[in-house]
Amino acid sequence: MIGDVKRATVFTFSTLGGWYAFLPQLAASTPLRTKQDYDDYIARLSEVGRLTDENIASRPSSGG
């Protein structure tokens, strides 16, 4: 669940991947059978922008 990512740790963006690399598989790995399933999925997706902003803000400065 995307929302759980922020509770665990803040992952850094890199060319090797990160939490965002799992977004394409999210729909395939999430059971979507009921209206509540879809509502929960949409709620998770709505957090992507905020999580992205938090990850960018938490990156250490490159010093330059």
N, C-alpha and C. Protein backbone atom coordinates (compact mmCIF):
# COMPACT_ATOMS: atom_id res chain seq x y z
N MET A 1 0.84 -1.16 0.00
CA MET A 1 0.00 0.00 0.00
C MET A 1 0.90 1.25 0.00
N ILE A 2 0.63 2.16 -0.83
CA ILE A 2 1.46 3.35 -0.95
C ILE A 2 1.50 4.12 0.36
N GLY A 3 0.39 4.29 1.01
CA GLY A 3 0.36 5.03 2.25
C GLY A 3 1.28 4.45 3.31
N ASP A 4 1.52 3.13 3.28
CA ASP A 4 2.39 2.48 4.24
C ASP A 4 3.85 2.85 4.02
N VAL A 5 4.20 3.29 2.83
CA VAL A 5 5.58 3.62 2.52
C VAL A 5 6.09 4.70 3.46
N LYS A 6 5.30 5.72 3.70
CA LYS A 6 5.77 6.82 4.53
C LYS A 6 5.95 6.40 5.98
N ARG A 7 5.21 5.40 6.42
CA ARG A 7 5.37 4.93 7.80
C ARG A 7 6.64 4.12 7.96
N ALA A 8 7.07 3.46 6.93
CA ALA A 8 8.24 2.59 7.02
C ALA A 8 9.52 3.41 6.97
N THR A 9 9.74 4.07 5.89
CA THR A 9 10.95 4.87 5.72
C THR A 9 10.77 5.73 4.48
N VAL A 10 11.56 6.74 4.33
CA VAL A 10 11.50 7.58 3.14
C VAL A 10 12.56 7.07 2.18
N PHE A 11 12.13 6.69 1.01
CA PHE A 11 13.04 6.15 0.01
C PHE A 11 13.53 7.26 -0.90
N THR A 12 14.78 7.18 -1.26
CA THR A 12 15.39 8.17 -2.14
C THR A 12 15.14 7.81 -3.59
N PHE A 13 15.03 8.82 -4.42
CA PHE A 13 14.93 8.61 -5.86
C PHE A 13 16.31 8.24 -6.38
N SER A 14 16.37 7.27 -7.27
CA SER A 14 17.64 6.93 -7.90
C SER A 14 17.38 6.32 -9.26
N THR A 15 18.43 6.18 -10.03
CA THR A 15 18.29 5.55 -11.34
C THR A 15 18.09 4.05 -11.21
N LEU A 16 18.35 3.51 -10.03
CA LEU A 16 18.18 2.07 -9.80
C LEU A 16 16.78 1.72 -9.32
N GLY A 17 15.99 2.72 -8.99
CA GLY A 17 14.62 2.46 -8.58
C GLY A 17 14.31 3.12 -7.25
N GLY A 18 13.15 2.82 -6.75
CA GLY A 18 12.66 3.36 -5.49
C GLY A 18 11.21 2.96 -5.33
N TRP A 19 10.54 3.53 -4.36
CA TRP A 19 9.16 3.15 -4.09
C TRP A 19 8.26 3.36 -5.31
N TYR A 20 8.56 4.36 -6.10
CA TYR A 20 7.76 4.71 -7.28
C TYR A 20 7.85 3.66 -8.39
N ALA A 21 8.88 2.83 -8.36
CA ALA A 21 9.04 1.80 -9.39
C ALA A 21 7.95 0.74 -9.32
N PHE A 22 7.25 0.66 -8.19
CA PHE A 22 6.20 -0.34 -8.02
C PHE A 22 4.82 0.15 -8.45
N LEU A 23 4.71 1.42 -8.81
CA LEU A 23 3.41 1.96 -9.20
C LEU A 23 2.77 1.23 -10.39
N PRO A 24 3.54 0.87 -11.43
CA PRO A 24 2.89 0.17 -12.55
C PRO A 24 2.30 -1.18 -12.15
N GLN A 25 2.86 -1.84 -11.15
CA GLN A 25 2.34 -3.14 -10.72
C GLN A 25 1.23 -3.02 -9.68
N LEU A 26 0.99 -1.81 -9.19
CA LEU A 26 0.01 -1.63 -8.12
C LEU A 26 -1.37 -2.16 -8.51
N ALA A 27 -1.85 -1.82 -9.68
CA ALA A 27 -3.18 -2.27 -10.10
C ALA A 27 -3.23 -3.79 -10.23
N ALA A 28 -2.16 -4.37 -10.78
CA ALA A 28 -2.14 -5.82 -10.97
C ALA A 28 -2.07 -6.57 -9.64
N SER A 29 -1.47 -5.96 -8.64
CA SER A 29 -1.32 -6.65 -7.36
C SER A 29 -2.39 -6.27 -6.34
N THR A 30 -3.33 -5.43 -6.75
CA THR A 30 -4.40 -5.00 -5.86
C THR A 30 -5.71 -5.61 -6.31
N PRO A 31 -6.35 -6.40 -5.44
CA PRO A 31 -7.65 -6.96 -5.84
C PRO A 31 -8.69 -5.84 -5.99
N LEU A 32 -9.29 -5.77 -7.17
CA LEU A 32 -10.31 -4.76 -7.44
C LEU A 32 -11.62 -5.48 -7.77
N ARG A 33 -12.36 -5.83 -6.72
CA ARG A 33 -13.60 -6.59 -6.91
C ARG A 33 -14.85 -5.81 -6.53
N THR A 34 -14.69 -4.91 -5.58
CA THR A 34 -15.86 -4.18 -5.07
C THR A 34 -15.65 -2.67 -5.25
N LYS A 35 -16.71 -1.93 -5.03
CA LYS A 35 -16.60 -0.47 -5.09
C LYS A 35 -15.60 0.01 -4.04
N GLN A 36 -15.61 -0.59 -2.86
CA GLN A 36 -14.67 -0.20 -1.81
C GLN A 36 -13.23 -0.45 -2.24
N ASP A 37 -12.98 -1.57 -2.94
CA ASP A 37 -11.64 -1.85 -3.47
C ASP A 37 -11.19 -0.72 -4.40
N TYR A 38 -12.07 -0.29 -5.27
CA TYR A 38 -11.73 0.79 -6.21
C TYR A 38 -11.53 2.11 -5.47
N ASP A 39 -12.39 2.39 -4.50
CA ASP A 39 -12.24 3.62 -3.71
C ASP A 39 -10.90 3.62 -2.97
N ASP A 40 -10.53 2.47 -2.40
CA ASP A 40 -9.25 2.37 -1.70
C ASP A 40 -8.08 2.55 -2.66
N TYR A 41 -8.18 1.98 -3.84
CA TYR A 41 -7.13 2.10 -4.85
C TYR A 41 -6.95 3.56 -5.28
N ILE A 42 -8.06 4.23 -5.52
CA ILE A 42 -8.01 5.65 -5.89
C ILE A 42 -7.41 6.48 -4.77
N ALA A 43 -7.75 6.16 -3.52
CA ALA A 43 -7.18 6.87 -2.37
C ALA A 43 -5.67 6.68 -2.32
N ARG A 44 -5.21 5.47 -2.61
CA ARG A 44 -3.77 5.22 -2.63
C ARG A 44 -3.10 6.05 -3.73
N LEU A 45 -3.70 6.05 -4.91
CA LEU A 45 -3.12 6.82 -6.01
C LEU A 45 -3.11 8.31 -5.71
N SER A 46 -4.10 8.77 -4.97
CA SER A 46 -4.15 10.20 -4.67
C SER A 46 -3.01 10.64 -3.75
N GLU A 47 -2.33 9.70 -3.11
CA GLU A 47 -1.20 10.01 -2.23
C GLU A 47 0.14 10.10 -2.98
N VAL A 48 0.18 9.68 -4.23
CA VAL A 48 1.44 9.62 -4.98
C VAL A 48 2.12 10.99 -5.06
N GLY A 49 1.39 12.01 -5.38
CA GLY A 49 1.98 13.35 -5.49
C GLY A 49 2.58 13.82 -4.18
N ARG A 50 1.83 13.63 -3.09
CA ARG A 50 2.31 14.04 -1.77
C ARG A 50 3.56 13.26 -1.39
N LEU A 51 3.55 11.95 -1.60
CA LEU A 51 4.72 11.13 -1.28
C LEU A 51 5.93 11.53 -2.12
N THR A 52 5.69 11.85 -3.37
CA THR A 52 6.78 12.30 -4.23
C THR A 52 7.37 13.59 -3.70
N ASP A 53 6.52 14.55 -3.36
CA ASP A 53 6.99 15.83 -2.81
C ASP A 53 7.77 15.62 -1.51
N GLU A 54 7.26 14.75 -0.63
CA GLU A 54 7.95 14.48 0.63
C GLU A 54 9.33 13.87 0.40
N ASN A 55 9.41 12.94 -0.56
CA ASN A 55 10.69 12.31 -0.86
C ASN A 55 11.69 13.31 -1.41
N ILE A 56 11.23 14.19 -2.29
CA ILE A 56 12.12 15.21 -2.84
C ILE A 56 12.60 16.14 -1.73
N ALA A 57 11.69 16.55 -0.87
CA ALA A 57 12.04 17.47 0.21
C ALA A 57 12.98 16.85 1.23
N SER A 58 12.92 15.52 1.39
CA SER A 58 13.73 14.87 2.41
C SER A 58 15.11 14.46 1.90
N ARG A 59 15.36 14.62 0.62
CA ARG A 59 16.67 14.25 0.06
C ARG A 59 17.74 15.14 0.66
N PRO A 60 18.87 14.55 0.99
CA PRO A 60 19.98 15.38 1.47
C PRO A 60 20.45 16.32 0.37
N SER A 61 20.88 17.49 0.76
CA SER A 61 21.39 18.45 -0.21
C SER A 61 22.66 17.92 -0.84
N SER A 62 22.82 18.17 -2.13
CA SER A 62 24.02 17.74 -2.82
C SER A 62 25.19 18.66 -2.51
N GLY A 63 24.94 19.73 -1.82
CA GLY A 63 26.00 20.65 -1.42
C GLY A 63 26.45 21.60 -2.51
N GLY A 64 25.73 21.58 -3.64
CA GLY A 64 26.21 22.45 -4.68
C GLY A 64 25.19 23.19 -5.34
